[in-house]
C-alpha atoms as a PDB file:
ATOM      1  CA  MET A   1       5.995   4.046  16.030  1.00  0.00           C
ATOM      2  CA  GLY A   2       4.636   6.179  13.321  1.00  0.00           C
ATOM      3  CA  ARG A   3       2.770   9.204  14.463  1.00  0.00           C
ATOM      4  CA  LEU A   4      -0.404   7.983  12.858  1.00  0.00           C
ATOM      5  CA  GLU A   5      -0.272   4.614  14.523  1.00  0.00           C
ATOM      6  CA  GLY A   6      -3.707   3.352  15.224  1.00  0.00           C
ATOM      7  CA  LYS A   7      -5.369   5.707  12.947  1.00  0.00           C
ATOM      8  CA  VAL A   8      -7.808   4.886  10.324  1.00  0.00           C
ATOM      9  CA  ALA A   9      -7.803   7.273   7.204  1.00  0.00           C
ATOM     10  CA  VAL A  10     -10.255   7.306   4.227  1.00  0.00           C
ATOM     11  CA  ILE A  11      -8.891   9.496   1.179  1.00  0.00           C
ATOM     12  CA  THR A  12     -10.649  10.406  -1.973  1.00  0.00           C
ATOM     13  CA  GLY A  13      -8.750  11.004  -4.973  1.00  0.00           C
ATOM     14  CA  ALA A  14      -6.225   8.482  -3.663  1.00  0.00           C
ATOM     15  CA  ALA A  15      -5.074   7.413  -6.868  1.00  0.00           C
ATOM     16  CA  SER A  16      -2.672  10.222  -7.792  1.00  0.00           C
ATOM     17  CA  GLY A  17      -1.598  13.734  -7.301  1.00  0.00           C
ATOM     18  CA  ILE A  18      -2.377  15.276  -3.600  1.00  0.00           C
ATOM     19  CA  GLY A  19      -4.410  12.281  -2.657  1.00  0.00           C
ATOM     20  CA  PHE A  20      -1.906   9.452  -3.375  1.00  0.00           C
ATOM     21  CA  ALA A  21       0.868  11.778  -1.693  1.00  0.00           C
ATOM     22  CA  CYS A  22      -1.493  11.887   1.464  1.00  0.00           C
ATOM     23  CA  ALA A  23      -2.255   7.994   1.398  1.00  0.00           C
ATOM     24  CA  LYS A  24       1.374   7.097   1.200  1.00  0.00           C
ATOM     25  CA  ARG A  25       2.557   9.678   4.010  1.00  0.00           C
ATOM     26  CA  TYR A  26      -0.206   8.356   5.990  1.00  0.00           C
ATOM     27  CA  ALA A  27       0.829   4.794   5.561  1.00  0.00           C
ATOM     28  CA  GLU A  28       4.318   5.628   6.366  1.00  0.00           C
ATOM     29  CA  GLU A  29       3.250   7.191   9.561  1.00  0.00           C
ATOM     30  CA  GLY A  30       1.634   3.969  10.503  1.00  0.00           C
ATOM     31  CA  ALA A  31      -2.122   4.566   9.594  1.00  0.00           C
ATOM     32  CA  ALA A  32      -4.423   2.107   7.876  1.00  0.00           C
ATOM     33  CA  VAL A  33      -5.443   3.753   4.805  1.00  0.00           C
ATOM     34  CA  VAL A  34      -8.731   3.409   2.757  1.00  0.00           C
ATOM     35  CA  GLY A  35      -8.430   5.100  -0.653  1.00  0.00           C
ATOM     36  CA  CYS A  36     -10.877   5.568  -3.453  1.00  0.00           C
ATOM     37  CA  ASP A  37     -10.830   6.919  -6.871  1.00  0.00           C
ATOM     38  CA  LEU A  38     -12.317   6.417 -10.309  1.00  0.00           C
ATOM     39  CA  ALA A  39      -9.070   4.033 -11.322  1.00  0.00           C
ATOM     40  CA  GLU A  40      -6.331   2.570  -9.228  1.00  0.00           C
ATOM     41  CA  GLY A  41      -3.300   4.321  -9.389  1.00  0.00           C
ATOM     42  CA  GLU A  42       0.109   2.485 -10.386  1.00  0.00           C
ATOM     43  CA  GLY A  43       1.689   3.337  -7.200  1.00  0.00           C
ATOM     44  CA  TRP A  44      -1.000   1.985  -4.977  1.00  0.00           C
ATOM     45  CA  ASP A  45       1.174  -0.955  -4.048  1.00  0.00           C
ATOM     46  CA  GLN A  46       3.537   1.446  -2.084  1.00  0.00           C
ATOM     47  CA  VAL A  47       0.810   2.468   0.243  1.00  0.00           C
ATOM     48  CA  VAL A  48      -0.279  -1.510   0.570  1.00  0.00           C
ATOM     49  CA  ALA A  49       3.348  -2.089   1.416  1.00  0.00           C
ATOM     50  CA  ALA A  50       3.811   0.764   4.075  1.00  0.00           C
ATOM     51  CA  ALA A  51       0.333   0.586   5.657  1.00  0.00           C
ATOM     52  CA  LYS A  52      -1.003  -1.186   8.680  1.00  0.00           C
ATOM     53  CA  GLY A  53      -3.992  -2.175   6.610  1.00  0.00           C
ATOM     54  CA  ALA A  54      -5.073  -0.881   3.111  1.00  0.00           C
ATOM     55  CA  GLN A  55      -8.119  -0.957   1.090  1.00  0.00           C
ATOM     56  CA  PHE A  56      -8.859   0.442  -2.333  1.00  0.00           C
ATOM     57  CA  HIS A  57     -12.208   1.253  -3.796  1.00  0.00           C
ATOM     58  CA  LEU A  58     -13.395   2.136  -7.367  1.00  0.00           C
ATOM     59  CA  THR A  59     -15.886   5.031  -6.529  1.00  0.00           C
ATOM     60  CA  ASP A  60     -17.356   8.108  -7.968  1.00  0.00           C
ATOM     61  CA  VAL A  61     -17.505  10.732  -5.107  1.00  0.00           C
ATOM     62  CA  ARG A  62     -20.784  11.930  -6.757  1.00  0.00           C
ATOM     63  CA  ASP A  63     -22.390   8.615  -5.783  1.00  0.00           C
ATOM     64  CA  GLU A  64     -23.827   8.771  -2.344  1.00  0.00           C
ATOM     65  CA  ALA A  65     -24.326   4.878  -2.027  1.00  0.00           C
ATOM     66  CA  ALA A  66     -20.639   4.311  -3.180  1.00  0.00           C
ATOM     67  CA  GLN A  67     -19.409   6.709  -0.659  1.00  0.00           C
ATOM     68  CA  GLN A  68     -21.363   5.276   2.102  1.00  0.00           C
ATOM     69  CA  ALA A  69     -20.105   1.906   0.920  1.00  0.00           C
ATOM     70  CA  VAL A  70     -16.506   2.900   1.265  1.00  0.00           C
ATOM     71  CA  ALA A  71     -17.061   4.491   4.898  1.00  0.00           C
ATOM     72  CA  ASP A  72     -19.051   0.972   5.888  1.00  0.00           C
ATOM     73  CA  ALA A  73     -16.138  -0.965   4.607  1.00  0.00           C
ATOM     74  CA  ALA A  74     -13.666   0.978   6.390  1.00  0.00           C
ATOM     75  CA  ARG A  75     -15.544   0.514   9.637  1.00  0.00           C
ATOM     76  CA  GLU A  76     -16.185  -3.152   8.961  1.00  0.00           C
ATOM     77  CA  GLU A  77     -12.452  -4.117   8.639  1.00  0.00           C
ATOM     78  CA  PHE A  78     -10.872  -1.455  11.008  1.00  0.00           C
ATOM     79  CA  GLY A  79     -13.402  -0.642  13.572  1.00  0.00           C
ATOM     80  CA  ARG A  80     -13.237   3.222  13.207  1.00  0.00           C
ATOM     81  CA  ILE A  81     -12.610   6.112  11.040  1.00  0.00           C
ATOM     82  CA  ASP A  82     -10.462   8.719  12.312  1.00  0.00           C
ATOM     83  CA  VAL A  83      -9.471  10.941   9.486  1.00  0.00           C
ATOM     84  CA  LEU A  84     -11.045  12.072   6.052  1.00  0.00           C
ATOM     85  CA  VAL A  85      -9.130  13.547   3.329  1.00  0.00           C
ATOM     86  CA  THR A  86     -11.360  14.884   0.328  1.00  0.00           C
ATOM     87  CA  ALA A  87      -8.579  15.208  -2.435  1.00  0.00           C
ATOM     88  CA  ALA A  88     -10.940  14.165  -5.445  1.00  0.00           C
ATOM     89  CA  GLY A  89     -11.626  17.101  -7.559  1.00  0.00           C
ATOM     90  CA  VAL A  90     -11.401  18.521 -11.276  1.00  0.00           C
ATOM     91  CA  ALA A  91     -10.363  21.579 -13.087  1.00  0.00           C
ATOM     92  CA  GLY A  92     -12.802  23.613 -15.101  1.00  0.00           C
ATOM     93  CA  GLY A  93     -13.820  27.191 -15.877  1.00  0.00           C
ATOM     94  CA  GLY A  94     -14.608  29.820 -18.072  1.00  0.00           C
ATOM     95  CA  PRO A  95     -16.321  33.462 -17.956  1.00  0.00           C
ATOM     96  CA  VAL A  96     -19.937  33.114 -16.763  1.00  0.00           C
ATOM     97  CA  HIS A  97     -21.391  34.316 -19.913  1.00  0.00           C
ATOM     98  CA  LEU A  98     -19.733  31.581 -21.989  1.00  0.00           C
ATOM     99  CA  LEU A  99     -19.866  28.705 -19.531  1.00  0.00           C
ATOM    100  CA  PRO A 100     -22.438  25.993 -20.207  1.00  0.00           C
ATOM    101  CA  VAL A 101     -24.802  24.822 -17.369  1.00  0.00           C
ATOM    102  CA  GLU A 102     -23.405  21.472 -17.722  1.00  0.00           C
ATOM    103  CA  GLU A 103     -19.765  22.378 -17.074  1.00  0.00           C
ATOM    104  CA  TRP A 104     -20.739  24.469 -14.117  1.00  0.00           C
ATOM    105  CA  GLN A 105     -22.756  21.470 -12.751  1.00  0.00           C
ATOM    106  CA  ARG A 106     -19.999  18.930 -13.326  1.00  0.00           C
ATOM    107  CA  VAL A 107     -17.338  20.955 -11.447  1.00  0.00           C
ATOM    108  CA  GLN A 108     -19.814  21.716  -8.365  1.00  0.00           C
ATOM    109  CA  ASP A 109     -21.035  18.114  -8.296  1.00  0.00           C
ATOM    110  CA  ILE A 110     -17.375  16.518  -8.051  1.00  0.00           C
ATOM    111  CA  ASN A 111     -15.608  19.179  -6.070  1.00  0.00           C
ATOM    112  CA  LEU A 112     -18.283  20.674  -3.595  1.00  0.00           C
ATOM    113  CA  LYS A 113     -21.105  17.861  -3.775  1.00  0.00           C
ATOM    114  CA  GLY A 114     -18.439  15.085  -3.773  1.00  0.00           C
ATOM    115  CA  THR A 115     -16.758  16.518  -0.316  1.00  0.00           C
ATOM    116  CA  PHE A 116     -20.233  16.882   1.165  1.00  0.00           C
ATOM    117  CA  LEU A 117     -21.129  13.217   0.245  1.00  0.00           C
ATOM    118  CA  SER A 118     -17.570  12.095   1.533  1.00  0.00           C
ATOM    119  CA  ALA A 119     -18.032  14.016   4.981  1.00  0.00           C
ATOM    120  CA  LYS A 120     -21.627  12.694   5.409  1.00  0.00           C
ATOM    121  CA  ALA A 121     -20.714   9.161   5.049  1.00  0.00           C
ATOM    122  CA  VAL A 122     -17.812   9.221   7.677  1.00  0.00           C
ATOM    123  CA  LEU A 123     -19.624  11.607  10.148  1.00  0.00           C
ATOM    124  CA  PRO A 124     -21.729   9.229  11.825  1.00  0.00           C
ATOM    125  CA  THR A 125     -18.806   7.047  12.807  1.00  0.00           C
ATOM    126  CA  MET A 126     -16.787   9.832  14.131  1.00  0.00           C
ATOM    127  CA  ILE A 127     -19.807  11.169  15.889  1.00  0.00           C
ATOM    128  CA  GLU A 128     -20.248   7.966  17.768  1.00  0.00           C
ATOM    129  CA  GLN A 129     -16.289   7.855  18.460  1.00  0.00           C
ATOM    130  CA  ARG A 130     -16.527  11.613  19.565  1.00  0.00           C
ATOM    131  CA  SER A 131     -13.277  12.076  17.738  1.00  0.00           C
ATOM    132  CA  GLY A 132     -12.306  12.576  14.258  1.00  0.00           C
ATOM    133  CA  SER A 133     -10.427  14.984  11.712  1.00  0.00           C
ATOM    134  CA  ILE A 134     -12.019  16.090   8.388  1.00  0.00           C
ATOM    135  CA  ILE A 135      -9.315  17.469   5.857  1.00  0.00           C
ATOM    136  CA  THR A 136     -10.700  19.043   2.917  1.00  0.00           C
ATOM    137  CA  ILE A 137      -8.540  19.997   0.046  1.00  0.00           C
ATOM    138  CA  ALA A 138      -9.836  23.392  -1.314  1.00  0.00           C
ATOM    139  CA  SER A 139      -7.544  25.832  -3.179  1.00  0.00           C
ATOM    140  CA  VAL A 140      -6.063  29.114  -3.029  1.00  0.00           C
ATOM    141  CA  GLU A 141      -8.635  29.911  -5.731  1.00  0.00           C
ATOM    142  CA  GLY A 142     -11.151  29.289  -2.952  1.00  0.00           C
ATOM    143  CA  LEU A 143      -9.886  32.280  -0.921  1.00  0.00           C
ATOM    144  CA  GLU A 144      -9.638  34.783  -3.873  1.00  0.00           C
ATOM    145  CA  GLY A 145     -10.604  35.177  -7.443  1.00  0.00           C
ATOM    146  CA  GLY A 146      -8.748  33.903 -10.481  1.00  0.00           C
ATOM    147  CA  GLU A 147      -9.309  34.841 -14.111  1.00  0.00           C
ATOM    148  CA  GLY A 148     -11.528  32.444 -16.015  1.00  0.00           C
ATOM    149  CA  ALA A 149     -12.027  29.993 -13.201  1.00  0.00           C
ATOM    150  CA  SER A 150     -15.563  30.687 -12.230  1.00  0.00           C
ATOM    151  CA  THR A 151     -16.928  27.320 -11.403  1.00  0.00           C
ATOM    152  CA  TYR A 152     -13.762  25.874 -10.073  1.00  0.00           C
ATOM    153  CA  ASN A 153     -13.355  28.859  -7.652  1.00  0.00           C
ATOM    154  CA  ALA A 154     -16.969  28.914  -6.595  1.00  0.00           C
ATOM    155  CA  SER A 155     -16.769  25.046  -5.619  1.00  0.00           C
ATOM    156  CA  LYS A 156     -13.522  25.587  -3.928  1.00  0.00           C
ATOM    157  CA  GLY A 157     -14.812  28.619  -1.927  1.00  0.00           C
ATOM    158  CA  GLY A 158     -17.822  26.557  -1.199  1.00  0.00           C
ATOM    159  CA  VAL A 159     -15.450  23.995   0.123  1.00  0.00           C
ATOM    160  CA  VAL A 160     -13.901  26.179   2.523  1.00  0.00           C
ATOM    161  CA  ILE A 161     -17.279  27.605   4.170  1.00  0.00           C
ATOM    162  CA  LEU A 162     -18.686  23.922   4.398  1.00  0.00           C
ATOM    163  CA  THR A 163     -15.540  23.139   6.438  1.00  0.00           C
ATOM    164  CA  LYS A 164     -16.074  25.862   8.593  1.00  0.00           C
ATOM    165  CA  ASN A 165     -19.595  25.000   9.009  1.00  0.00           C
ATOM    166  CA  MET A 166     -18.711  21.329  10.109  1.00  0.00           C
ATOM    167  CA  ALA A 167     -16.100  22.825  12.523  1.00  0.00           C
ATOM    168  CA  LEU A 168     -18.947  24.735  14.076  1.00  0.00           C
ATOM    169  CA  ASP A 169     -21.335  21.682  13.955  1.00  0.00           C
ATOM    170  CA  TYR A 170     -19.336  18.882  15.260  1.00  0.00           C
ATOM    171  CA  GLY A 171     -16.689  20.522  17.467  1.00  0.00           C
ATOM    172  CA  ARG A 172     -18.437  19.642  20.694  1.00  0.00           C
ATOM    173  CA  VAL A 173     -18.371  16.033  19.807  1.00  0.00           C
ATOM    174  CA  GLY A 174     -14.642  16.092  19.259  1.00  0.00           C
ATOM    175  CA  ILE A 175     -14.457  16.442  15.562  1.00  0.00           C
ATOM    176  CA  ARG A 176     -12.011  18.783  13.771  1.00  0.00           C
ATOM    177  CA  ALA A 177     -12.674  20.289  10.279  1.00  0.00           C
ATOM    178  CA  ASN A 178      -9.959  22.174   8.322  1.00  0.00           C
ATOM    179  CA  ALA A 179      -9.409  23.062   4.663  1.00  0.00           C
ATOM    180  CA  ILE A 180      -6.072  23.042   3.047  1.00  0.00           C
ATOM    181  CA  CYS A 181      -5.794  25.459   0.274  1.00  0.00           C
ATOM    182  CA  PRO A 182      -2.884  24.619  -2.106  1.00  0.00           C
ATOM    183  CA  GLY A 183      -1.484  26.874  -4.396  1.00  0.00           C
ATOM    184  CA  PHE A 184      -0.288  25.728  -7.803  1.00  0.00           C
ATOM    185  CA  ILE A 185       1.039  22.129  -7.347  1.00  0.00           C
ATOM    186  CA  GLU A 186       2.562  19.789  -9.715  1.00  0.00           C
ATOM    187  CA  THR A 187      -0.067  16.980 -10.036  1.00  0.00           C
ATOM    188  CA  PRO A 188      -1.502  15.232 -13.272  1.00  0.00           C
ATOM    189  CA  MET A 189      -4.434  17.850 -13.191  1.00  0.00           C
ATOM    190  CA  PHE A 190      -2.145  20.553 -12.983  1.00  0.00           C
ATOM    191  CA  ALA A 191      -0.258  19.217 -16.176  1.00  0.00           C
ATOM    192  CA  SER A 192      -3.505  18.817 -17.985  1.00  0.00           C
ATOM    193  CA  VAL A 193      -4.237  22.471 -17.580  1.00  0.00           C
ATOM    194  CA  MET A 194      -0.844  24.302 -17.479  1.00  0.00           C
ATOM    195  CA  ASN A 195       0.707  22.295 -20.357  1.00  0.00           C
ATOM    196  CA  GLY A 196      -2.336  22.963 -22.728  1.00  0.00           C
ATOM    197  CA  GLU A 197      -1.853  25.317 -25.615  1.00  0.00           C
ATOM    198  CA  ASP A 198      -4.252  28.041 -23.905  1.00  0.00           C
ATOM    199  CA  PHE A 199      -2.134  28.186 -20.724  1.00  0.00           C
ATOM    200  CA  SER A 200       1.401  27.401 -21.720  1.00  0.00           C
ATOM    201  CA  ALA A 201       2.221  31.101 -22.212  1.00  0.00           C
ATOM    202  CA  HIS A 202       1.127  32.135 -18.821  1.00  0.00           C
ATOM    203  CA  LYS A 203       3.058  29.273 -16.885  1.00  0.00           C
ATOM    204  CA  GLN A 204       5.860  31.531 -16.007  1.00  0.00           C
ATOM    205  CA  ARG A 205       3.689  34.239 -14.801  1.00  0.00           C
ATOM    206  CA  ILE A 206       1.736  31.991 -12.462  1.00  0.00           C
ATOM    207  CA  ARG A 207       5.101  30.537 -11.111  1.00  0.00           C
ATOM    208  CA  ASP A 208       6.264  33.898 -10.401  1.00  0.00           C
ATOM    209  CA  GLN A 209       3.303  34.759  -8.044  1.00  0.00           C
ATOM    210  CA  HIS A 210       4.333  31.941  -5.747  1.00  0.00           C
ATOM    211  CA  LYS A 211       6.842  34.024  -3.755  1.00  0.00           C
ATOM    212  CA  LEU A 212       9.299  31.192  -3.428  1.00  0.00           C
ATOM    213  CA  GLY A 213       9.577  31.122  -7.119  1.00  0.00           C
ATOM    214  CA  ARG A 214       8.347  27.654  -7.913  1.00  0.00           C
ATOM    215  CA  PHE A 215       5.395  25.483  -8.034  1.00  0.00           C
ATOM    216  CA  GLY A 216       4.395  22.993  -5.141  1.00  0.00           C
ATOM    217  CA  ARG A 217       4.862  19.422  -4.870  1.00  0.00           C
ATOM    218  CA  PRO A 218       2.068  17.054  -3.586  1.00  0.00           C
ATOM    219  CA  GLU A 219       4.314  15.897  -0.719  1.00  0.00           C
ATOM    220  CA  GLU A 220       4.295  19.280   0.573  1.00  0.00           C
ATOM    221  CA  ILE A 221       0.354  19.393   0.800  1.00  0.00           C
ATOM    222  CA  ALA A 222       0.631  15.741   2.259  1.00  0.00           C
ATOM    223  CA  GLY A 223       2.975  17.423   5.005  1.00  0.00           C
ATOM    224  CA  ALA A 224       0.155  19.624   5.881  1.00  0.00           C
ATOM    225  CA  ALA A 225      -2.479  16.914   5.766  1.00  0.00           C
ATOM    226  CA  PHE A 226      -0.137  14.725   8.123  1.00  0.00           C
ATOM    227  CA  PHE A 227      -0.103  17.901  10.833  1.00  0.00           C
ATOM    228  CA  LEU A 228      -3.878  18.156  10.531  1.00  0.00           C
ATOM    229  CA  ALA A 229      -4.359  14.347  11.129  1.00  0.00           C
ATOM    230  CA  SER A 230      -2.152  14.163  13.895  1.00  0.00           C
ATOM    231  CA  GLU A 231      -2.475  15.192  17.506  1.00  0.00           C
ATOM    232  CA  ASP A 232      -0.118  18.080  17.011  1.00  0.00           C
ATOM    233  CA  SER A 233      -3.220  19.883  15.581  1.00  0.00           C
ATOM    234  CA  SER A 234      -5.377  18.998  18.469  1.00  0.00           C
ATOM    235  CA  PHE A 235      -6.460  22.585  18.838  1.00  0.00           C
ATOM    236  CA  VAL A 236      -6.706  23.567  15.219  1.00  0.00           C
ATOM    237  CA  THR A 237     -10.205  23.654  13.634  1.00  0.00           C
ATOM    238  CA  GLY A 238     -12.472  25.743  11.261  1.00  0.00           C
ATOM    239  CA  GLN A 239      -9.239  26.950   9.478  1.00  0.00           C
ATOM    240  CA  ALA A 240      -8.597  27.448   5.707  1.00  0.00           C
ATOM    241  CA  LEU A 241      -4.566  26.796   5.694  1.00  0.00           C
ATOM    242  CA  ALA A 242      -3.089  28.159   2.647  1.00  0.00           C
ATOM    243  CA  VAL A 243      -0.150  25.967   1.666  1.00  0.00           C
ATOM    244  CA  ASP A 244       0.818  28.006  -1.533  1.00  0.00           C
ATOM    245  CA  GLY A 245       4.534  29.197  -1.405  1.00  0.00           C
ATOM    246  CA  GLY A 246       3.462  32.646  -0.764  1.00  0.00           C
ATOM    247  CA  PHE A 247       0.732  32.950  -3.583  1.00  0.00           C
ATOM    248  CA  THR A 248      -1.956  34.769  -1.324  1.00  0.00           C
ATOM    249  CA  ALA A 249       0.788  36.848   0.409  1.00  0.00           C
ATOM    250  CA  GLY A 250       0.371  39.761  -2.013  1.00  0.00           C
ATOM    251  CA  HIS A 251       1.339  40.806  -5.531  1.00  0.00           C
ATOM    252  CA  TRP A 252       4.744  40.406  -6.872  1.00  0.00           C
ATOM    253  CA  VAL A 253       5.959  42.805  -9.406  1.00  0.00           C
ATOM    254  CA  GLY A 254       9.931  42.386  -9.426  1.00  0.00           C
ATOM    255  CA  ILE A 255      11.039  45.290  -7.193  1.00  0.00           C
ATOM    256  CA  THR A 256      13.015  42.732  -5.024  1.00  0.00           C
ATOM    257  CA  GLY A 257      15.501  42.608  -7.889  1.00  0.00           C
ATOM    258  CA  LEU A 258      16.366  46.522  -6.933  1.00  0.00           C
ATOM    259  CA  MET A 259      16.976  45.391  -3.449  1.00  0.00           C
ATOM    260  CA  GLY A 260      19.443  42.626  -4.479  1.00  0.00           C
ATOM    261  CA  LEU A 261      16.867  40.029  -3.315  1.00  0.00           C
ATOM    262  CA  GLU A 262      16.874  37.729  -6.344  1.00  0.00           C
END
């Protein structure tokens, strides 16, 4: 029996990247999976084949009514909602004095407001059940600064604090809330930024700041999301878990080579 047998998970941004990896892992572990995104990914049939039940909804996370419709559909078909993973997100940034207000707001609306609306939609069901696990996808850049990433970092920092507040507010009714803060993970969004002309020259330097010497894989974030959805994490709430290959451990300048450790 899968470790998530009998659980129902709602996952935003489920068509690709981290969201898809979470949907696939949860399905393989026996959960019913309700995914939503702006477009259905090519691999969703893998989720359908593995899951105890599956739905996919074309949804913009900025749309409160659409988010509520996803939660209602999940409850109507499966009777409950046990897990929420908020993986929908976009990149964006620039130094503050050059950043258009419209770009600031776009990133905030998707990354932070979208997380808020996703949680708002599922929380009444979780409160009624007196159980649930909310797993937000933040970033290492929500834990520390990053050059030229003002609006993205602000949105992800907001996700971290919002998650901690939900842990405070809903812990007494059996709901846990934790943020996963990935390092740089090889997803389509990662490729759209890192393979661009402006960033390609810095890609190796960013890779080097991951102390394991590589970028992460979506499946590695899904592993952490599985832990936070499972009973193994029953006493874990209010945490910002960095899954980052050591990115936030400290600065690496290459001295390890002098110690024969490269």
